[in-house]
């Protein structure tokens, strides 16, 4: 459990995520691999960050 706390502290996201799903693997990407989208299903101040081998997708 302490390791999870250290990983969460390393995220430095605000507001703090309610849920984090850790996956195996690594991701290397260029700035052009980041996409942004609006998601009306997310609550106010809600966000979703999906990091995969395809890049980074940020939904707000």
PDB file of N, CA and C in Angstrom:
ATOM      1  N   UNK A   1       0.822  -1.201   0.000  1.00  0.00           N
ATOM      2  CA  UNK A   1       0.000   0.000   0.000  1.00  0.00           C
ATOM      3  C   UNK A   1       0.867   1.266   0.000  1.00  0.00           C
ATOM      4  N   UNK A   2       2.010   1.216   0.659  1.00  0.00           N
ATOM      5  CA  UNK A   2       2.897   2.385   0.681  1.00  0.00           C
ATOM      6  C   UNK A   2       3.387   2.725  -0.717  1.00  0.00           C
ATOM      7  N   UNK A   3       3.649   1.685  -1.526  1.00  0.00           N
ATOM      8  CA  UNK A   3       4.106   1.930  -2.898  1.00  0.00           C
ATOM      9  C   UNK A   3       3.055   2.684  -3.699  1.00  0.00           C
ATOM     10  N   UNK A   4       1.777   2.349  -3.496  1.00  0.00           N
ATOM     11  CA  UNK A   4       0.702   3.056  -4.190  1.00  0.00           C
ATOM     12  C   UNK A   4       0.701   4.525  -3.793  1.00  0.00           C
ATOM     13  N   UNK A   5       0.901   4.811  -2.531  1.00  0.00           N
ATOM     14  CA  UNK A   5       0.964   6.199  -2.067  1.00  0.00           C
ATOM     15  C   UNK A   5       2.100   6.963  -2.722  1.00  0.00           C
ATOM     16  N   UNK A   6       3.247   6.325  -2.880  1.00  0.00           N
ATOM     17  CA  UNK A   6       4.380   6.978  -3.535  1.00  0.00           C
ATOM     18  C   UNK A   6       4.086   7.240  -5.005  1.00  0.00           C
ATOM     19  N   UNK A   7       3.455   6.289  -5.693  1.00  0.00           N
ATOM     20  CA  UNK A   7       3.113   6.492  -7.103  1.00  0.00           C
ATOM     21  C   UNK A   7       2.098   7.621  -7.244  1.00  0.00           C
ATOM     22  N   UNK A   8       1.118   7.684  -6.357  1.00  0.00           N
ATOM     23  CA  UNK A   8       0.118   8.750  -6.421  1.00  0.00           C
ATOM     24  C   UNK A   8       0.772  10.103  -6.171  1.00  0.00           C
ATOM     25  N   UNK A   9       1.698  10.166  -5.223  1.00  0.00           N
ATOM     26  CA  UNK A   9       2.378  11.423  -4.931  1.00  0.00           C
ATOM     27  C   UNK A   9       3.188  11.892  -6.133  1.00  0.00           C
ATOM     28  N   UNK A  10       3.721  10.971  -6.912  1.00  0.00           N
ATOM     29  CA  UNK A  10       4.518  11.317  -8.087  1.00  0.00           C
ATOM     30  C   UNK A  10       3.666  11.868  -9.220  1.00  0.00           C
ATOM     31  N   UNK A  11       2.345  11.632  -9.193  1.00  0.00           N
ATOM     32  CA  UNK A  11       1.473  12.123 -10.262  1.00  0.00           C
ATOM     33  C   UNK A  11       1.364  13.633 -10.273  1.00  0.00           C
ATOM     34  N   UNK A  12       1.215  14.255  -9.113  1.00  0.00           N
ATOM     35  CA  UNK A  12       1.099  15.701  -8.988  1.00  0.00           C
ATOM     36  C   UNK A  12      -0.005  16.275  -9.874  1.00  0.00           C
ATOM     37  N   UNK A  13      -1.185  15.650  -9.872  1.00  0.00           N
ATOM     38  CA  UNK A  13      -2.332  16.133 -10.638  1.00  0.00           C
ATOM     39  C   UNK A  13      -3.299  16.853  -9.703  1.00  0.00           C
ATOM     40  N   UNK A  14      -3.900  17.936 -10.194  1.00  0.00           N
ATOM     41  CA  UNK A  14      -4.861  18.689  -9.398  1.00  0.00           C
ATOM     42  C   UNK A  14      -6.134  18.869 -10.194  1.00  0.00           C
ATOM     43  N   UNK A  15      -7.309  18.586  -9.686  1.00  0.00           N
ATOM     44  CA  UNK A  15      -7.482  17.932  -8.390  1.00  0.00           C
ATOM     45  C   UNK A  15      -6.973  16.497  -8.426  1.00  0.00           C
ATOM     46  N   UNK A  16      -6.689  15.933  -7.241  1.00  0.00           N
ATOM     47  CA  UNK A  16      -6.202  14.557  -7.132  1.00  0.00           C
ATOM     48  C   UNK A  16      -7.211  13.611  -7.763  1.00  0.00           C
ATOM     49  N   UNK A  17      -6.764  12.637  -8.547  1.00  0.00           N
ATOM     50  CA  UNK A  17      -7.695  11.691  -9.169  1.00  0.00           C
ATOM     51  C   UNK A  17      -8.432  10.851  -8.130  1.00  0.00           C
ATOM     52  N   UNK A  18      -9.685  10.557  -8.395  1.00  0.00           N
ATOM     53  CA  UNK A  18     -10.449   9.646  -7.532  1.00  0.00           C
ATOM     54  C   UNK A  18     -10.034   8.208  -7.794  1.00  0.00           C
ATOM     55  N   UNK A  19      -9.598   7.947  -9.010  1.00  0.00           N
ATOM     56  CA  UNK A  19      -9.249   6.585  -9.400  1.00  0.00           C
ATOM     57  C   UNK A  19      -8.073   6.621 -10.368  1.00  0.00           C
ATOM     58  N   UNK A  20      -7.160   5.688 -10.190  1.00  0.00           N
ATOM     59  CA  UNK A  20      -6.033   5.533 -11.110  1.00  0.00           C
ATOM     60  C   UNK A  20      -5.952   4.062 -11.473  1.00  0.00           C
ATOM     61  N   UNK A  21      -5.881   3.783 -12.758  1.00  0.00           N
ATOM     62  CA  UNK A  21      -5.722   2.409 -13.238  1.00  0.00           C
ATOM     63  C   UNK A  21      -4.311   2.286 -13.801  1.00  0.00           C
ATOM     64  N   UNK A  22      -3.450   1.590 -13.066  1.00  0.00           N
ATOM     65  CA  UNK A  22      -2.069   1.409 -13.497  1.00  0.00           C
ATOM     66  C   UNK A  22      -2.016   0.257 -14.478  1.00  0.00           C
ATOM     67  N   UNK A  23      -1.286   0.438 -15.567  1.00  0.00           N
ATOM     68  CA  UNK A  23      -1.153  -0.584 -16.595  1.00  0.00           C
ATOM     69  C   UNK A  23       0.324  -0.910 -16.805  1.00  0.00           C
ATOM     70  N   UNK A  24       0.593  -2.073 -17.340  1.00  0.00           N
ATOM     71  CA  UNK A  24       1.965  -2.452 -17.667  1.00  0.00           C
ATOM     72  C   UNK A  24       2.412  -1.715 -18.914  1.00  0.00           C
ATOM     73  N   UNK A  25       3.718  -1.604 -19.083  1.00  0.00           N
ATOM     74  CA  UNK A  25       4.262  -1.015 -20.297  1.00  0.00           C
ATOM     75  C   UNK A  25       4.808   0.376 -20.075  1.00  0.00           C
ATOM     76  N   UNK A  26       5.282   0.944 -21.138  1.00  0.00           N
ATOM     77  CA  UNK A  26       5.822   2.300 -21.111  1.00  0.00           C
ATOM     78  C   UNK A  26       5.236   3.087 -22.268  1.00  0.00           C
ATOM     79  N   UNK A  27       5.393   4.392 -22.188  1.00  0.00           N
ATOM     80  CA  UNK A  27       4.883   5.263 -23.239  1.00  0.00           C
ATOM     81  C   UNK A  27       5.926   6.331 -23.523  1.00  0.00           C
ATOM     82  N   UNK A  28       6.368   6.399 -24.739  1.00  0.00           N
ATOM     83  CA  UNK A  28       7.217   7.503 -25.176  1.00  0.00           C
ATOM     84  C   UNK A  28       6.443   8.219 -26.270  1.00  0.00           C
ATOM     85  N   UNK A  29       6.377   9.518 -26.185  1.00  0.00           N
ATOM     86  CA  UNK A  29       5.560  10.263 -27.136  1.00  0.00           C
ATOM     87  C   UNK A  29       6.127  11.643 -27.375  1.00  0.00           C
ATOM     88  N   UNK A  30       5.730  12.211 -28.473  1.00  0.00           N
ATOM     89  CA  UNK A  30       6.077  13.586 -28.800  1.00  0.00           C
ATOM     90  C   UNK A  30       4.868  14.463 -28.488  1.00  0.00           C
ATOM     91  N   UNK A  31       5.070  15.743 -28.406  1.00  0.00           N
ATOM     92  CA  UNK A  31       3.978  16.666 -28.106  1.00  0.00           C
ATOM     93  C   UNK A  31       2.822  16.503 -29.091  1.00  0.00           C
ATOM     94  N   UNK A  32       3.126  16.128 -30.317  1.00  0.00           N
ATOM     95  CA  UNK A  32       2.088  15.964 -31.330  1.00  0.00           C
ATOM     96  C   UNK A  32       1.216  14.730 -31.073  1.00  0.00           C
ATOM     97  N   UNK A  33       1.645  13.845 -30.174  1.00  0.00           N
ATOM     98  CA  UNK A  33       0.876  12.644 -29.851  1.00  0.00           C
ATOM     99  C   UNK A  33      -0.152  12.889 -28.745  1.00  0.00           C
ATOM    100  N   UNK A  34      -0.337  14.139 -28.338  1.00  0.00           N
ATOM    101  CA  UNK A  34      -1.296  14.482 -27.284  1.00  0.00           C
ATOM    102  C   UNK A  34      -2.567  15.028 -27.929  1.00  0.00           C
ATOM    103  N   UNK A  35      -3.721  14.433 -27.558  1.00  0.00           N
ATOM    104  CA  UNK A  35      -5.000  14.918 -28.095  1.00  0.00           C
ATOM    105  C   UNK A  35      -5.872  15.420 -26.948  1.00  0.00           C
ATOM    106  N   UNK A  36      -6.739  16.375 -27.258  1.00  0.00           N
ATOM    107  CA  UNK A  36      -7.629  16.982 -26.273  1.00  0.00           C
ATOM    108  C   UNK A  36      -9.073  16.850 -26.756  1.00  0.00           C
ATOM    109  N   UNK A  37      -9.989  16.573 -25.813  1.00  0.00           N
ATOM    110  CA  UNK A  37     -11.404  16.452 -26.174  1.00  0.00           C
ATOM    111  C   UNK A  37     -12.278  16.873 -24.996  1.00  0.00           C
ATOM    112  N   UNK A  38     -13.493  17.308 -25.290  1.00  0.00           N
ATOM    113  CA  UNK A  38     -14.500  17.600 -24.267  1.00  0.00           C
ATOM    114  C   UNK A  38     -15.348  16.361 -24.054  1.00  0.00           C
ATOM    115  N   UNK A  39     -15.658  16.045 -22.797  1.00  0.00           N
ATOM    116  CA  UNK A  39     -16.511  14.903 -22.463  1.00  0.00           C
ATOM    117  C   UNK A  39     -17.588  15.409 -21.512  1.00  0.00           C
ATOM    118  N   UNK A  40     -18.794  15.599 -22.018  1.00  0.00           N
ATOM    119  CA  UNK A  40     -19.892  16.141 -21.215  1.00  0.00           C
ATOM    120  C   UNK A  40     -20.285  15.206 -20.066  1.00  0.00           C
ATOM    121  N   UNK A  41     -19.873  13.948 -20.122  1.00  0.00           N
ATOM    122  CA  UNK A  41     -20.210  12.996 -19.060  1.00  0.00           C
ATOM    123  C   UNK A  41     -19.347  13.186 -17.817  1.00  0.00           C
ATOM    124  N   UNK A  42     -18.247  13.917 -17.940  1.00  0.00           N
ATOM    125  CA  UNK A  42     -17.383  14.150 -16.782  1.00  0.00           C
ATOM    126  C   UNK A  42     -17.967  15.254 -15.898  1.00  0.00           C
ATOM    127  N   UNK A  43     -17.814  15.136 -14.572  1.00  0.00           N
ATOM    128  CA  UNK A  43     -18.330  16.166 -13.669  1.00  0.00           C
ATOM    129  C   UNK A  43     -17.499  17.448 -13.768  1.00  0.00           C
ATOM    130  N   UNK A  44     -17.989  18.551 -13.194  1.00  0.00           N
ATOM    131  CA  UNK A  44     -17.193  19.782 -13.168  1.00  0.00           C
ATOM    132  C   UNK A  44     -15.817  19.488 -12.556  1.00  0.00           C
ATOM    133  N   UNK A  45     -14.782  20.057 -13.109  1.00  0.00           N
ATOM    134  CA  UNK A  45     -13.391  19.838 -12.711  1.00  0.00           C
ATOM    135  C   UNK A  45     -12.941  18.397 -12.951  1.00  0.00           C
ATOM    136  N   UNK A  46     -13.757  17.599 -13.627  1.00  0.00           N
ATOM    137  CA  UNK A  46     -13.382  16.217 -13.924  1.00  0.00           C
ATOM    138  C   UNK A  46     -12.478  16.163 -15.131  1.00  0.00           C
ATOM    139  N   UNK A  47     -11.645  15.158 -15.162  1.00  0.00           N
ATOM    140  CA  UNK A  47     -10.771  14.957 -16.307  1.00  0.00           C
ATOM    141  C   UNK A  47     -10.430  13.472 -16.422  1.00  0.00           C
ATOM    142  N   UNK A  48     -10.003  13.088 -17.598  1.00  0.00           N
ATOM    143  CA  UNK A  48      -9.544  11.727 -17.839  1.00  0.00           C
ATOM    144  C   UNK A  48      -8.267  11.832 -18.661  1.00  0.00           C
ATOM    145  N   UNK A  49      -7.235  11.124 -18.227  1.00  0.00           N
ATOM    146  CA  UNK A  49      -5.985  11.064 -18.971  1.00  0.00           C
ATOM    147  C   UNK A  49      -5.749   9.605 -19.318  1.00  0.00           C
ATOM    148  N   UNK A  50      -5.654   9.322 -20.595  1.00  0.00           N
ATOM    149  CA  UNK A  50      -5.389   7.964 -21.045  1.00  0.00           C
ATOM    150  C   UNK A  50      -4.024   7.964 -21.719  1.00  0.00           C
ATOM    151  N   UNK A  51      -3.088   7.232 -21.146  1.00  0.00           N
ATOM    152  CA  UNK A  51      -1.735   7.151 -21.681  1.00  0.00           C
ATOM    153  C   UNK A  51      -1.533   5.740 -22.201  1.00  0.00           C
ATOM    154  N   UNK A  52      -1.217   5.633 -23.478  1.00  0.00           N
ATOM    155  CA  UNK A  52      -1.012   4.322 -24.092  1.00  0.00           C
ATOM    156  C   UNK A  52       0.105   4.416 -25.112  1.00  0.00           C
ATOM    157  N   UNK A  53       0.362   3.318 -25.789  1.00  0.00           N
ATOM    158  CA  UNK A  53       1.400   3.331 -26.823  1.00  0.00           C
ATOM    159  C   UNK A  53       1.006   4.223 -27.996  1.00  0.00           C
ATOM    160  N   UNK A  54      -0.269   4.610 -28.085  1.00  0.00           N
ATOM    161  CA  UNK A  54      -0.745   5.500 -29.153  1.00  0.00           C
ATOM    162  C   UNK A  54      -0.539   6.972 -28.831  1.00  0.00           C
ATOM    163  N   UNK A  55      -0.163   7.298 -27.591  1.00  0.00           N
ATOM    164  CA  UNK A  55       0.007   8.677 -27.180  1.00  0.00           C
ATOM    165  C   UNK A  55      -0.802   8.979 -25.939  1.00  0.00           C
ATOM    166  N   UNK A  56      -1.106  10.242 -25.740  1.00  0.00           N
ATOM    167  CA  UNK A  56      -1.822  10.710 -24.563  1.00  0.00           C
ATOM    168  C   UNK A  56      -3.119  11.382 -25.004  1.00  0.00           C
ATOM    169  N   UNK A  57      -4.234  10.964 -24.386  1.00  0.00           N
ATOM    170  CA  UNK A  57      -5.542  11.565 -24.676  1.00  0.00           C
ATOM    171  C   UNK A  57      -6.051  12.212 -23.389  1.00  0.00           C
ATOM    172  N   UNK A  58      -6.322  13.502 -23.436  1.00  0.00           N
ATOM    173  CA  UNK A  58      -6.823  14.255 -22.284  1.00  0.00           C
ATOM    174  C   UNK A  58      -8.254  14.661 -22.563  1.00  0.00           C
ATOM    175  N   UNK A  59      -9.168  14.258 -21.687  1.00  0.00           N
ATOM    176  CA  UNK A  59     -10.580  14.642 -21.799  1.00  0.00           C
ATOM    177  C   UNK A  59     -10.948  15.484 -20.590  1.00  0.00           C
ATOM    178  N   UNK A  60     -11.692  16.567 -20.840  1.00  0.00           N
ATOM    179  CA  UNK A  60     -12.150  17.437 -19.748  1.00  0.00           C
ATOM    180  C   UNK A  60     -13.635  17.673 -19.880  1.00  0.00           C
TER     181      UNK A  60
END
